[in-house]
Amino acid sequence: MTLNKVVLHHGVHNLENKQSKLKVNYTNKNDIISLIGPPSTKSKFDNDVYIYIERKTSGSKLMKLGEKKLIKNDVLILEIDKNGILL
């Protein structure tokens, strides 16, 4: 009998691949949202700050039933100027 690992995914899928398509001083808010999606969290200081999170966990071996193993934990923070351009 084999048990397949269950991978739980929270946040943006493939965040690392998507962020590589962003260009500083070129990409605007609309491009960011269409490429990555709405941010996990927004903050407003002098400029807009978009925060994206990707977290993957997996159920571990049967001996440690219920424990989760962290596979990936990425955070992407984007600062956008008052004109809507990525800094």
PDB file of N, CA and C in Angstrom:
ATOM      1  N   MET A   1       0.840  -1.179   0.000  1.00  0.00           N
ATOM      2  CA  MET A   1       0.000   0.000   0.000  1.00  0.00           C
ATOM      3  C   MET A   1       0.887   1.245   0.000  1.00  0.00           C
ATOM      4  N   THR A   2       0.599   2.170  -0.879  1.00  0.00           N
ATOM      5  CA  THR A   2       1.342   3.427  -0.905  1.00  0.00           C
ATOM      6  C   THR A   2       0.390   4.576  -0.679  1.00  0.00           C
ATOM      7  N   LEU A   3       0.895   5.556   0.002  1.00  0.00           N
ATOM      8  CA  LEU A   3       0.102   6.764   0.233  1.00  0.00           C
ATOM      9  C   LEU A   3       0.708   7.890  -0.588  1.00  0.00           C
ATOM     10  N   ASN A   4      -0.110   8.541  -1.407  1.00  0.00           N
ATOM     11  CA  ASN A   4       0.375   9.677  -2.177  1.00  0.00           C
ATOM     12  C   ASN A   4       0.467  10.896  -1.275  1.00  0.00           C
ATOM     13  N   LYS A   5       1.532  11.667  -1.468  1.00  0.00           N
ATOM     14  CA  LYS A   5       1.680  12.883  -0.690  1.00  0.00           C
ATOM     15  C   LYS A   5       0.653  13.908  -1.145  1.00  0.00           C
ATOM     16  N   VAL A   6       0.075  14.579  -0.201  1.00  0.00           N
ATOM     17  CA  VAL A   6      -0.862  15.652  -0.502  1.00  0.00           C
ATOM     18  C   VAL A   6      -0.114  16.965  -0.328  1.00  0.00           C
ATOM     19  N   VAL A   7      -0.064  17.764  -1.390  1.00  0.00           N
ATOM     20  CA  VAL A   7       0.610  19.056  -1.329  1.00  0.00           C
ATOM     21  C   VAL A   7      -0.453  20.132  -1.200  1.00  0.00           C
ATOM     22  N   LEU A   8      -0.360  20.902  -0.122  1.00  0.00           N
ATOM     23  CA  LEU A   8      -1.275  22.015   0.102  1.00  0.00           C
ATOM     24  C   LEU A   8      -0.610  23.286  -0.384  1.00  0.00           C
ATOM     25  N   HIS A   9      -1.318  24.053  -1.207  1.00  0.00           N
ATOM     26  CA  HIS A   9      -0.760  25.260  -1.806  1.00  0.00           C
ATOM     27  C   HIS A   9      -1.581  26.458  -1.354  1.00  0.00           C
ATOM     28  N   HIS A  10      -0.893  27.466  -0.842  1.00  0.00           N
ATOM     29  CA  HIS A  10      -1.552  28.682  -0.386  1.00  0.00           C
ATOM     30  C   HIS A  10      -0.910  29.872  -1.088  1.00  0.00           C
ATOM     31  N   GLY A  11      -1.710  30.765  -1.608  1.00  0.00           N
ATOM     32  CA  GLY A  11      -1.180  31.960  -2.258  1.00  0.00           C
ATOM     33  C   GLY A  11      -1.087  31.794  -3.759  1.00  0.00           C
ATOM     34  N   VAL A  12      -0.117  32.471  -4.358  1.00  0.00           N
ATOM     35  CA  VAL A  12       0.056  32.521  -5.814  1.00  0.00           C
ATOM     36  C   VAL A  12       0.875  31.325  -6.286  1.00  0.00           C
ATOM     37  N   HIS A  13       0.356  30.581  -7.250  1.00  0.00           N
ATOM     38  CA  HIS A  13       1.086  29.447  -7.820  1.00  0.00           C
ATOM     39  C   HIS A  13       2.205  29.961  -8.723  1.00  0.00           C
ATOM     40  N   ASN A  14       3.371  29.324  -8.689  1.00  0.00           N
ATOM     41  CA  ASN A  14       4.517  29.644  -9.552  1.00  0.00           C
ATOM     42  C   ASN A  14       4.947  31.103  -9.446  1.00  0.00           C
ATOM     43  N   LEU A  15       5.013  31.618  -8.244  1.00  0.00           N
ATOM     44  CA  LEU A  15       5.353  33.025  -8.011  1.00  0.00           C
ATOM     45  C   LEU A  15       6.721  33.382  -8.588  1.00  0.00           C
ATOM     46  N   GLU A  16       7.682  32.490  -8.425  1.00  0.00           N
ATOM     47  CA  GLU A  16       9.046  32.766  -8.900  1.00  0.00           C
ATOM     48  C   GLU A  16       9.082  32.952 -10.416  1.00  0.00           C
ATOM     49  N   ASN A  17       8.367  32.115 -11.157  1.00  0.00           N
ATOM     50  CA  ASN A  17       8.325  32.238 -12.621  1.00  0.00           C
ATOM     51  C   ASN A  17       7.621  33.515 -13.051  1.00  0.00           C
ATOM     52  N   LYS A  18       6.534  33.849 -12.391  1.00  0.00           N
ATOM     53  CA  LYS A  18       5.759  35.034 -12.760  1.00  0.00           C
ATOM     54  C   LYS A  18       6.522  36.318 -12.467  1.00  0.00           C
ATOM     55  N   GLN A  19       7.244  36.365 -11.343  1.00  0.00           N
ATOM     56  CA  GLN A  19       7.952  37.588 -10.988  1.00  0.00           C
ATOM     57  C   GLN A  19       9.110  37.857 -11.938  1.00  0.00           C
ATOM     58  N   SER A  20       9.636  36.824 -12.576  1.00  0.00           N
ATOM     59  CA  SER A  20      10.751  37.029 -13.511  1.00  0.00           C
ATOM     60  C   SER A  20      10.309  37.792 -14.759  1.00  0.00           C
ATOM     61  N   LYS A  21       9.005  37.860 -15.021  1.00  0.00           N
ATOM     62  CA  LYS A  21       8.479  38.572 -16.189  1.00  0.00           C
ATOM     63  C   LYS A  21       8.256  40.061 -15.919  1.00  0.00           C
ATOM     64  N   LEU A  22       8.416  40.493 -14.676  1.00  0.00           N
ATOM     65  CA  LEU A  22       8.221  41.903 -14.325  1.00  0.00           C
ATOM     66  C   LEU A  22       9.466  42.712 -14.668  1.00  0.00           C
ATOM     67  N   LYS A  23       9.272  43.946 -15.133  1.00  0.00           N
ATOM     68  CA  LYS A  23      10.396  44.823 -15.478  1.00  0.00           C
ATOM     69  C   LYS A  23      10.300  46.108 -14.654  1.00  0.00           C
ATOM     70  N   VAL A  24      11.361  46.400 -13.921  1.00  0.00           N
ATOM     71  CA  VAL A  24      11.421  47.602 -13.093  1.00  0.00           C
ATOM     72  C   VAL A  24      11.382  48.840 -13.991  1.00  0.00           C
ATOM     73  N   ASN A  25      10.670  49.865 -13.558  1.00  0.00           N
ATOM     74  CA  ASN A  25      10.493  51.136 -14.277  1.00  0.00           C
ATOM     75  C   ASN A  25       9.768  50.971 -15.611  1.00  0.00           C
ATOM     76  N   TYR A  26       9.089  49.853 -15.806  1.00  0.00           N
ATOM     77  CA  TYR A  26       8.362  49.623 -17.056  1.00  0.00           C
ATOM     78  C   TYR A  26       6.969  49.034 -16.793  1.00  0.00           C
ATOM     79  N   THR A  27       6.916  47.976 -15.992  1.00  0.00           N
ATOM     80  CA  THR A  27       5.658  47.283 -15.715  1.00  0.00           C
ATOM     81  C   THR A  27       4.752  48.169 -14.866  1.00  0.00           C
ATOM     82  N   ASN A  28       3.458  48.236 -15.227  1.00  0.00           N
ATOM     83  CA  ASN A  28       2.517  49.045 -14.438  1.00  0.00           C
ATOM     84  C   ASN A  28       1.587  48.158 -13.606  1.00  0.00           C
ATOM     85  N   LYS A  29       0.740  48.803 -12.790  1.00  0.00           N
ATOM     86  CA  LYS A  29      -0.178  48.074 -11.884  1.00  0.00           C
ATOM     87  C   LYS A  29      -1.038  47.063 -12.624  1.00  0.00           C
ATOM     88  N   ASN A  30      -1.617  47.490 -13.754  1.00  0.00           N
ATOM     89  CA  ASN A  30      -2.506  46.602 -14.509  1.00  0.00           C
ATOM     90  C   ASN A  30      -1.761  45.387 -15.030  1.00  0.00           C
ATOM     91  N   ASP A  31      -0.513  45.581 -15.491  1.00  0.00           N
ATOM     92  CA  ASP A  31       0.295  44.455 -15.964  1.00  0.00           C
ATOM     93  C   ASP A  31       0.561  43.473 -14.827  1.00  0.00           C
ATOM     94  N   ILE A  32       0.873  44.009 -13.648  1.00  0.00           N
ATOM     95  CA  ILE A  32       1.167  43.162 -12.487  1.00  0.00           C
ATOM     96  C   ILE A  32      -0.045  42.313 -12.123  1.00  0.00           C
ATOM     97  N   ILE A  33      -1.204  42.946 -12.060  1.00  0.00           N
ATOM     98  CA  ILE A  33      -2.422  42.233 -11.668  1.00  0.00           C
ATOM     99  C   ILE A  33      -2.822  41.199 -12.722  1.00  0.00           C
ATOM    100  N   SER A  34      -2.656  41.523 -14.004  1.00  0.00           N
ATOM    101  CA  SER A  34      -3.012  40.544 -15.038  1.00  0.00           C
ATOM    102  C   SER A  34      -2.020  39.380 -15.071  1.00  0.00           C
ATOM    103  N   LEU A  35      -0.756  39.632 -14.724  1.00  0.00           N
ATOM    104  CA  LEU A  35       0.262  38.582 -14.743  1.00  0.00           C
ATOM    105  C   LEU A  35       0.231  37.708 -13.491  1.00  0.00           C
ATOM    106  N   ILE A  36       0.190  38.347 -12.316  1.00  0.00           N
ATOM    107  CA  ILE A  36       0.291  37.603 -11.053  1.00  0.00           C
ATOM    108  C   ILE A  36      -1.062  37.446 -10.370  1.00  0.00           C
ATOM    109  N   GLY A  37      -1.945  38.411 -10.561  1.00  0.00           N
ATOM    110  CA  GLY A  37      -3.237  38.392  -9.896  1.00  0.00           C
ATOM    111  C   GLY A  37      -3.269  39.442  -8.797  1.00  0.00           C
ATOM    112  N   PRO A  38      -4.375  39.535  -8.090  1.00  0.00           N
ATOM    113  CA  PRO A  38      -4.449  40.515  -7.003  1.00  0.00           C
ATOM    114  C   PRO A  38      -3.477  40.158  -5.881  1.00  0.00           C
ATOM    115  N   PRO A  39      -2.905  41.161  -5.226  1.00  0.00           N
ATOM    116  CA  PRO A  39      -1.935  40.875  -4.163  1.00  0.00           C
ATOM    117  C   PRO A  39      -2.583  40.209  -2.955  1.00  0.00           C
ATOM    118  N   SER A  40      -1.777  39.435  -2.228  1.00  0.00           N
ATOM    119  CA  SER A  40      -2.243  38.826  -0.984  1.00  0.00           C
ATOM    120  C   SER A  40      -2.536  39.918   0.032  1.00  0.00           C
ATOM    121  N   THR A  41      -1.698  40.952   0.035  1.00  0.00           N
ATOM    122  CA  THR A  41      -1.835  42.083   0.952  1.00  0.00           C
ATOM    123  C   THR A  41      -1.401  43.356   0.235  1.00  0.00           C
ATOM    124  N   LYS A  42      -2.059  44.471   0.546  1.00  0.00           N
ATOM    125  CA  LYS A  42      -1.665  45.779   0.013  1.00  0.00           C
ATOM    126  C   LYS A  42      -1.324  46.688   1.168  1.00  0.00           C
ATOM    127  N   SER A  43      -0.403  47.620   0.914  1.00  0.00           N
ATOM    128  CA  SER A  43      -0.042  48.601   1.926  1.00  0.00           C
ATOM    129  C   SER A  43       0.116  49.940   1.235  1.00  0.00           C
ATOM    130  N   LYS A  44      -0.144  51.013   1.928  1.00  0.00           N
ATOM    131  CA  LYS A  44      -0.048  52.342   1.326  1.00  0.00           C
ATOM    132  C   LYS A  44       0.801  53.229   2.219  1.00  0.00           C
ATOM    133  N   PHE A  45       1.971  53.624   1.739  1.00  0.00           N
ATOM    134  CA  PHE A  45       2.818  54.598   2.421  1.00  0.00           C
ATOM    135  C   PHE A  45       2.975  55.755   1.444  1.00  0.00           C
ATOM    136  N   ASP A  46       4.189  56.109   1.092  1.00  0.00           N
ATOM    137  CA  ASP A  46       4.394  57.100   0.043  1.00  0.00           C
ATOM    138  C   ASP A  46       3.994  56.508  -1.307  1.00  0.00           C
ATOM    139  N   ASN A  47       4.301  55.242  -1.488  1.00  0.00           N
ATOM    140  CA  ASN A  47       3.946  54.508  -2.704  1.00  0.00           C
ATOM    141  C   ASN A  47       3.099  53.304  -2.314  1.00  0.00           C
ATOM    142  N   ASP A  48       2.460  52.695  -3.320  1.00  0.00           N
ATOM    143  CA  ASP A  48       1.723  51.453  -3.065  1.00  0.00           C
ATOM    144  C   ASP A  48       2.721  50.320  -2.897  1.00  0.00           C
ATOM    145  N   VAL A  49       2.421  49.403  -1.996  1.00  0.00           N
ATOM    146  CA  VAL A  49       3.243  48.213  -1.811  1.00  0.00           C
ATOM    147  C   VAL A  49       2.323  47.003  -1.947  1.00  0.00           C
ATOM    148  N   TYR A  50       2.650  46.126  -2.890  1.00  0.00           N
ATOM    149  CA  TYR A  50       1.899  44.895  -3.098  1.00  0.00           C
ATOM    150  C   TYR A  50       2.731  43.751  -2.547  1.00  0.00           C
ATOM    151  N   ILE A  51       2.097  42.873  -1.779  1.00  0.00           N
ATOM    152  CA  ILE A  51       2.789  41.736  -1.187  1.00  0.00           C
ATOM    153  C   ILE A  51       2.121  40.455  -1.682  1.00  0.00           C
ATOM    154  N   TYR A  52       2.923  39.585  -2.271  1.00  0.00           N
ATOM    155  CA  TYR A  52       2.451  38.298  -2.777  1.00  0.00           C
ATOM    156  C   TYR A  52       3.119  37.180  -1.988  1.00  0.00           C
ATOM    157  N   ILE A  53       2.363  36.132  -1.707  1.00  0.00           N
ATOM    158  CA  ILE A  53       2.857  35.023  -0.899  1.00  0.00           C
ATOM    159  C   ILE A  53       2.605  33.708  -1.640  1.00  0.00           C
ATOM    160  N   GLU A  54       3.587  32.819  -1.583  1.00  0.00           N
ATOM    161  CA  GLU A  54       3.402  31.454  -2.065  1.00  0.00           C
ATOM    162  C   GLU A  54       3.936  30.514  -0.995  1.00  0.00           C
ATOM    163  N   ARG A  55       3.107  29.578  -0.579  1.00  0.00           N
ATOM    164  CA  ARG A  55       3.508  28.632   0.465  1.00  0.00           C
ATOM    165  C   ARG A  55       3.006  27.244   0.079  1.00  0.00           C
ATOM    166  N   LYS A  56       3.914  26.284   0.108  1.00  0.00           N
ATOM    167  CA  LYS A  56       3.555  24.894  -0.174  1.00  0.00           C
ATOM    168  C   LYS A  56       3.968  24.039   1.009  1.00  0.00           C
ATOM    169  N   THR A  57       3.047  23.206   1.458  1.00  0.00           N
ATOM    170  CA  THR A  57       3.352  22.237   2.508  1.00  0.00           C
ATOM    171  C   THR A  57       2.891  20.866   2.036  1.00  0.00           C
ATOM    172  N   SER A  58       3.448  19.846   2.663  1.00  0.00           N
ATOM    173  CA  SER A  58       3.110  18.483   2.305  1.00  0.00           C
ATOM    174  C   SER A  58       2.943  17.664   3.569  1.00  0.00           C
ATOM    175  N   GLY A  59       2.013  16.721   3.513  1.00  0.00           N
ATOM    176  CA  GLY A  59       1.890  15.773   4.611  1.00  0.00           C
ATOM    177  C   GLY A  59       3.123  14.896   4.634  1.00  0.00           C
ATOM    178  N   SER A  60       3.651  14.635   5.810  1.00  0.00           N
ATOM    179  CA  SER A  60       4.885  13.846   5.897  1.00  0.00           C
ATOM    180  C   SER A  60       4.560  12.361   6.054  1.00  0.00           C
ATOM    181  N   LYS A  61       5.527  11.576   6.451  1.00  0.00           N
ATOM    182  CA  LYS A  61       5.388  10.122   6.525  1.00  0.00           C
ATOM    183  C   LYS A  61       4.289   9.709   7.494  1.00  0.00           C
ATOM    184  N   LEU A  62       3.806   8.515   7.299  1.00  0.00           N
ATOM    185  CA  LEU A  62       2.717   7.977   8.103  1.00  0.00           C
ATOM    186  C   LEU A  62       3.062   7.924   9.590  1.00  0.00           C
ATOM    187  N   MET A  63       4.337   7.743   9.905  1.00  0.00           N
ATOM    188  CA  MET A  63       4.755   7.672  11.310  1.00  0.00           C
ATOM    189  C   MET A  63       4.494   8.983  12.050  1.00  0.00           C
ATOM    190  N   LYS A  64       4.555  10.080  11.343  1.00  0.00           N
ATOM    191  CA  LYS A  64       4.349  11.405  11.953  1.00  0.00           C
ATOM    192  C   LYS A  64       3.033  11.980  11.430  1.00  0.00           C
ATOM    193  N   LEU A  65       1.996  11.223  11.581  1.00  0.00           N
ATOM    194  CA  LEU A  65       0.687  11.572  11.049  1.00  0.00           C
ATOM    195  C   LEU A  65       0.257  12.976  11.483  1.00  0.00           C
ATOM    196  N   GLY A  66      -0.161  13.780  10.529  1.00  0.00           N
ATOM    197  CA  GLY A  66      -0.659  15.113  10.836  1.00  0.00           C
ATOM    198  C   GLY A  66       0.386  16.207  10.736  1.00  0.00           C
ATOM    199  N   GLU A  67       1.667  15.854  10.739  1.00  0.00           N
ATOM    200  CA  GLU A  67       2.706  16.872  10.622  1.00  0.00           C
ATOM    201  C   GLU A  67       2.822  17.330   9.176  1.00  0.00           C
ATOM    202  N   LYS A  68       3.149  18.599   9.001  1.00  0.00           N
ATOM    203  CA  LYS A  68       3.329  19.158   7.672  1.00  0.00           C
ATOM    204  C   LYS A  68       4.791  19.496   7.448  1.00  0.00           C
ATOM    205  N   LYS A  69       5.264  19.212   6.255  1.00  0.00           N
ATOM    206  CA  LYS A  69       6.630  19.543   5.870  1.00  0.00           C
ATOM    207  C   LYS A  69       6.573  20.746   4.936  1.00  0.00           C
ATOM    208  N   LEU A  70       7.349  21.787   5.238  1.00  0.00           N
ATOM    209  CA  LEU A  70       7.375  22.995   4.421  1.00  0.00           C
ATOM    210  C   LEU A  70       8.208  22.735   3.175  1.00  0.00           C
ATOM    211  N   ILE A  71       7.599  22.908   2.013  1.00  0.00           N
ATOM    212  CA  ILE A  71       8.286  22.701   0.746  1.00  0.00           C
ATOM    213  C   ILE A  71       8.792  24.037   0.202  1.00  0.00           C
ATOM    214  N   LYS A  72       7.936  25.054   0.245  1.00  0.00           N
ATOM    215  CA  LYS A  72       8.279  26.349  -0.330  1.00  0.00           C
ATOM    216  C   LYS A  72       7.584  27.446   0.460  1.00  0.00           C
ATOM    217  N   ASN A  73       8.298  28.539   0.699  1.00  0.00           N
ATOM    218  CA  ASN A  73       7.724  29.686   1.402  1.00  0.00           C
ATOM    219  C   ASN A  73       8.340  30.941   0.798  1.00  0.00           C
ATOM    220  N   ASP A  74       7.688  31.512  -0.217  1.00  0.00           N
ATOM    221  CA  ASP A  74       8.212  32.683  -0.923  1.00  0.00           C
ATOM    222  C   ASP A  74       7.338  33.898  -0.671  1.00  0.00           C
ATOM    223  N   VAL A  75       7.988  35.062  -0.576  1.00  0.00           N
ATOM    224  CA  VAL A  75       7.287  36.324  -0.432  1.00  0.00           C
ATOM    225  C   VAL A  75       7.863  37.289  -1.463  1.00  0.00           C
ATOM    226  N   LEU A  76       6.995  37.962  -2.207  1.00  0.00           N
ATOM    227  CA  LEU A  76       7.405  38.960  -3.199  1.00  0.00           C
ATOM    228  C   LEU A  76       6.791  40.285  -2.794  1.00  0.00           C
ATOM    229  N   ILE A  77       7.632  41.308  -2.624  1.00  0.00           N
ATOM    230  CA  ILE A  77       7.166  42.639  -2.251  1.00  0.00           C
ATOM    231  C   ILE A  77       7.459  43.577  -3.412  1.00  0.00           C
ATOM    232  N   LEU A  78       6.414  44.209  -3.949  1.00  0.00           N
ATOM    233  CA  LEU A  78       6.548  45.121  -5.079  1.00  0.00           C
ATOM    234  C   LEU A  78       6.158  46.526  -4.644  1.00  0.00           C
ATOM    235  N   GLU A  79       7.000  47.506  -4.962  1.00  0.00           N
ATOM    236  CA  GLU A  79       6.689  48.899  -4.659  1.00  0.00           C
ATOM    237  C   GLU A  79       6.319  49.600  -5.960  1.00  0.00           C
ATOM    238  N   ILE A  80       5.199  50.286  -5.939  1.00  0.00           N
ATOM    239  CA  ILE A  80       4.662  50.936  -7.130  1.00  0.00           C
ATOM    240  C   ILE A  80       4.558  52.439  -6.858  1.00  0.00           C
ATOM    241  N   ASP A  81       5.112  53.250  -7.762  1.00  0.00           N
ATOM    242  CA  ASP A  81       5.094  54.701  -7.550  1.00  0.00           C
ATOM    243  C   ASP A  81       3.710  55.297  -7.789  1.00  0.00           C
ATOM    244  N   LYS A  82       3.583  56.602  -7.554  1.00  0.00           N
ATOM    245  CA  LYS A  82       2.270  57.257  -7.656  1.00  0.00           C
ATOM    246  C   LYS A  82       1.739  57.297  -9.090  1.00  0.00           C
ATOM    247  N   ASN A  83       2.608  57.025 -10.085  1.00  0.00           N
ATOM    248  CA  ASN A  83       2.170  56.944 -11.481  1.00  0.00           C
ATOM    249  C   ASN A  83       1.761  55.530 -11.878  1.00  0.00           C
ATOM    250  N   GLY A  84       1.887  54.571 -10.941  1.00  0.00           N
ATOM    251  CA  GLY A  84       1.474  53.200 -11.200  1.00  0.00           C
ATOM    252  C   GLY A  84       2.553  52.338 -11.812  1.00  0.00           C
ATOM    253  N   ILE A  85       3.819  52.767 -11.745  1.00  0.00           N
ATOM    254  CA  ILE A  85       4.929  52.028 -12.356  1.00  0.00           C
ATOM    255  C   ILE A  85       5.724  51.303 -11.259  1.00  0.00           C
ATOM    256  N   LEU A  86       6.150  50.087 -11.555  1.00  0.00           N
ATOM    257  CA  LEU A  86       6.937  49.275 -10.622  1.00  0.00           C
ATOM    258  C   LEU A  86       8.308  49.894 -10.402  1.00  0.00           C
ATOM    259  N   LEU A  87       8.670  50.068  -9.133  1.00  0.00           N
ATOM    260  CA  LEU A  87       9.995  50.615  -8.796  1.00  0.00           C
ATOM    261  C   LEU A  87      10.987  49.498  -8.543  1.00  0.00           C
TER     262      LEU A  87
END
